[in-house]
Amino acid sequence: MCSLFLFQPNSQLMRKITLGTEGASILIGHIDFLEKPILGFFRLRSACILDDLTEVSVLIRFIVLVLGPSDRTSIMEYSEIGRALAVLFSDKVSSSSSSSTF
């Protein structure tokens, strides 16, 4: 018998989010064949819901992708970059200025 994992959004968290809220998806990873880190910062022209990518169904405006080589110290650095970006996106002043800049 095969059981399927069905994604169920976090309804408790969804109740705390105001209608029309936009978010950012920050993806961090490492790949063995890379010699230098790569950072991609994407601003979507119109925000969209990416259900399979986020814990809650919220409009995504920005996608950040950080990839780098697989050495032990670099992996921690990439995580710290992701945390710093998450703090920037959660700050009202910086997130409102980045949305209106483009």
Protein backbone atom coordinates (compact mmCIF):
# COMPACT_ATOMS: atom_id res chain seq x y z
CA MET A 1 0.00 0.00 0.00
CA CYS A 2 1.38 3.39 -1.02
CA SER A 3 0.76 6.50 1.02
CA LEU A 4 0.99 9.93 -0.54
CA PHE A 5 2.24 12.97 1.31
CA LEU A 6 -0.27 15.74 0.80
CA PHE A 7 0.89 19.28 1.44
CA GLN A 8 -1.28 21.09 3.96
CA PRO A 9 -0.56 24.77 4.53
CA ASN A 10 0.13 25.99 8.05
CA SER A 11 -3.33 27.36 8.89
CA GLN A 12 -2.29 28.79 12.28
CA LEU A 13 0.44 30.87 10.68
CA MET A 14 -1.85 31.89 7.81
CA ARG A 15 -4.31 33.47 10.28
CA LYS A 16 -1.56 35.82 11.51
CA ILE A 17 -0.68 37.09 8.03
CA THR A 18 -2.63 40.08 6.73
CA LEU A 19 -4.36 39.89 3.37
CA GLY A 20 -2.18 41.05 0.48
CA THR A 21 1.12 40.29 2.22
CA GLU A 22 4.00 39.57 -0.13
CA GLY A 23 6.96 37.40 0.72
CA ALA A 24 10.38 36.31 -0.44
CA SER A 25 11.71 32.83 -0.96
CA ILE A 26 15.37 32.40 -0.01
CA LEU A 27 16.95 29.16 -1.24
CA ILE A 28 20.41 28.08 -0.04
CA GLY A 29 22.35 25.08 -1.31
CA HIS A 30 25.73 23.62 -2.15
CA ILE A 31 26.97 21.73 -5.18
CA ASP A 32 30.20 19.75 -5.38
CA PHE A 33 31.28 20.91 -8.85
CA LEU A 34 31.13 24.67 -8.12
CA GLU A 35 34.41 26.48 -7.48
CA LYS A 36 32.93 29.87 -6.53
CA PRO A 37 29.60 30.86 -4.97
CA ILE A 38 26.71 32.02 -7.16
CA LEU A 39 23.98 34.36 -5.96
CA GLY A 40 20.83 35.01 -7.96
CA PHE A 41 18.40 37.73 -6.90
CA PHE A 42 15.10 37.76 -8.79
CA ARG A 43 12.25 40.24 -8.50
CA LEU A 44 9.08 38.98 -10.12
CA ARG A 45 7.16 41.53 -12.18
CA SER A 46 3.94 40.45 -10.53
CA ALA A 47 3.78 38.54 -7.26
CA CYS A 48 2.49 35.00 -7.49
CA ILE A 49 1.64 32.13 -5.17
CA LEU A 50 4.16 29.29 -5.21
CA ASP A 51 2.38 26.67 -3.10
CA ASP A 52 5.03 23.98 -3.41
CA LEU A 53 7.80 26.34 -2.35
CA THR A 54 6.44 28.01 0.78
CA GLU A 55 4.87 26.88 4.03
CA VAL A 56 1.89 29.19 3.61
CA SER A 57 0.04 30.41 0.52
CA VAL A 58 1.41 33.93 0.32
CA LEU A 59 2.29 36.02 -2.71
CA ILE A 60 6.01 35.77 -3.56
CA ARG A 61 7.69 38.84 -5.06
CA PHE A 62 11.39 38.01 -4.58
CA ILE A 63 13.36 34.79 -5.03
CA VAL A 64 16.97 34.59 -3.84
CA LEU A 65 19.15 31.61 -4.77
CA VAL A 66 22.56 31.11 -3.15
CA LEU A 67 24.67 28.17 -4.35
CA GLY A 68 28.27 27.40 -3.55
CA PRO A 69 30.95 24.72 -3.25
CA SER A 70 30.53 22.00 -0.66
CA ASP A 71 33.28 22.80 1.81
CA ARG A 72 32.25 22.83 5.45
CA THR A 73 32.93 26.48 6.28
CA SER A 74 31.19 27.81 3.16
CA ILE A 75 27.95 25.96 3.91
CA MET A 76 27.63 27.84 7.21
CA GLU A 77 28.41 31.14 5.47
CA TYR A 78 25.61 30.56 2.96
CA SER A 79 23.17 29.92 5.79
CA GLU A 80 24.21 33.19 7.43
CA ILE A 81 23.70 35.04 4.13
CA GLY A 82 20.19 33.55 3.96
CA ARG A 83 19.41 34.63 7.52
CA ALA A 84 20.65 38.17 6.87
CA LEU A 85 18.49 38.44 3.74
CA ALA A 86 15.47 37.13 5.65
CA VAL A 87 15.96 39.85 8.27
CA LEU A 88 16.18 42.49 5.53
CA PHE A 89 12.97 41.28 3.92
CA SER A 90 11.16 41.19 7.25
CA ASP A 91 12.08 44.81 8.03
CA LYS A 92 9.27 47.15 6.93
CA VAL A 93 11.52 49.98 5.77
CA SER A 94 13.88 47.91 3.62
CA SER A 95 11.15 45.71 2.15
CA SER A 96 8.97 48.66 1.15
CA SER A 97 11.92 50.49 -0.46
CA SER A 98 13.04 47.38 -2.38
CA SER A 99 9.52 46.85 -3.74
CA SER A 100 9.20 50.43 -4.96
CA THR A 101 12.74 50.71 -6.36
CA PHE A 102 12.15 48.69 -9.50
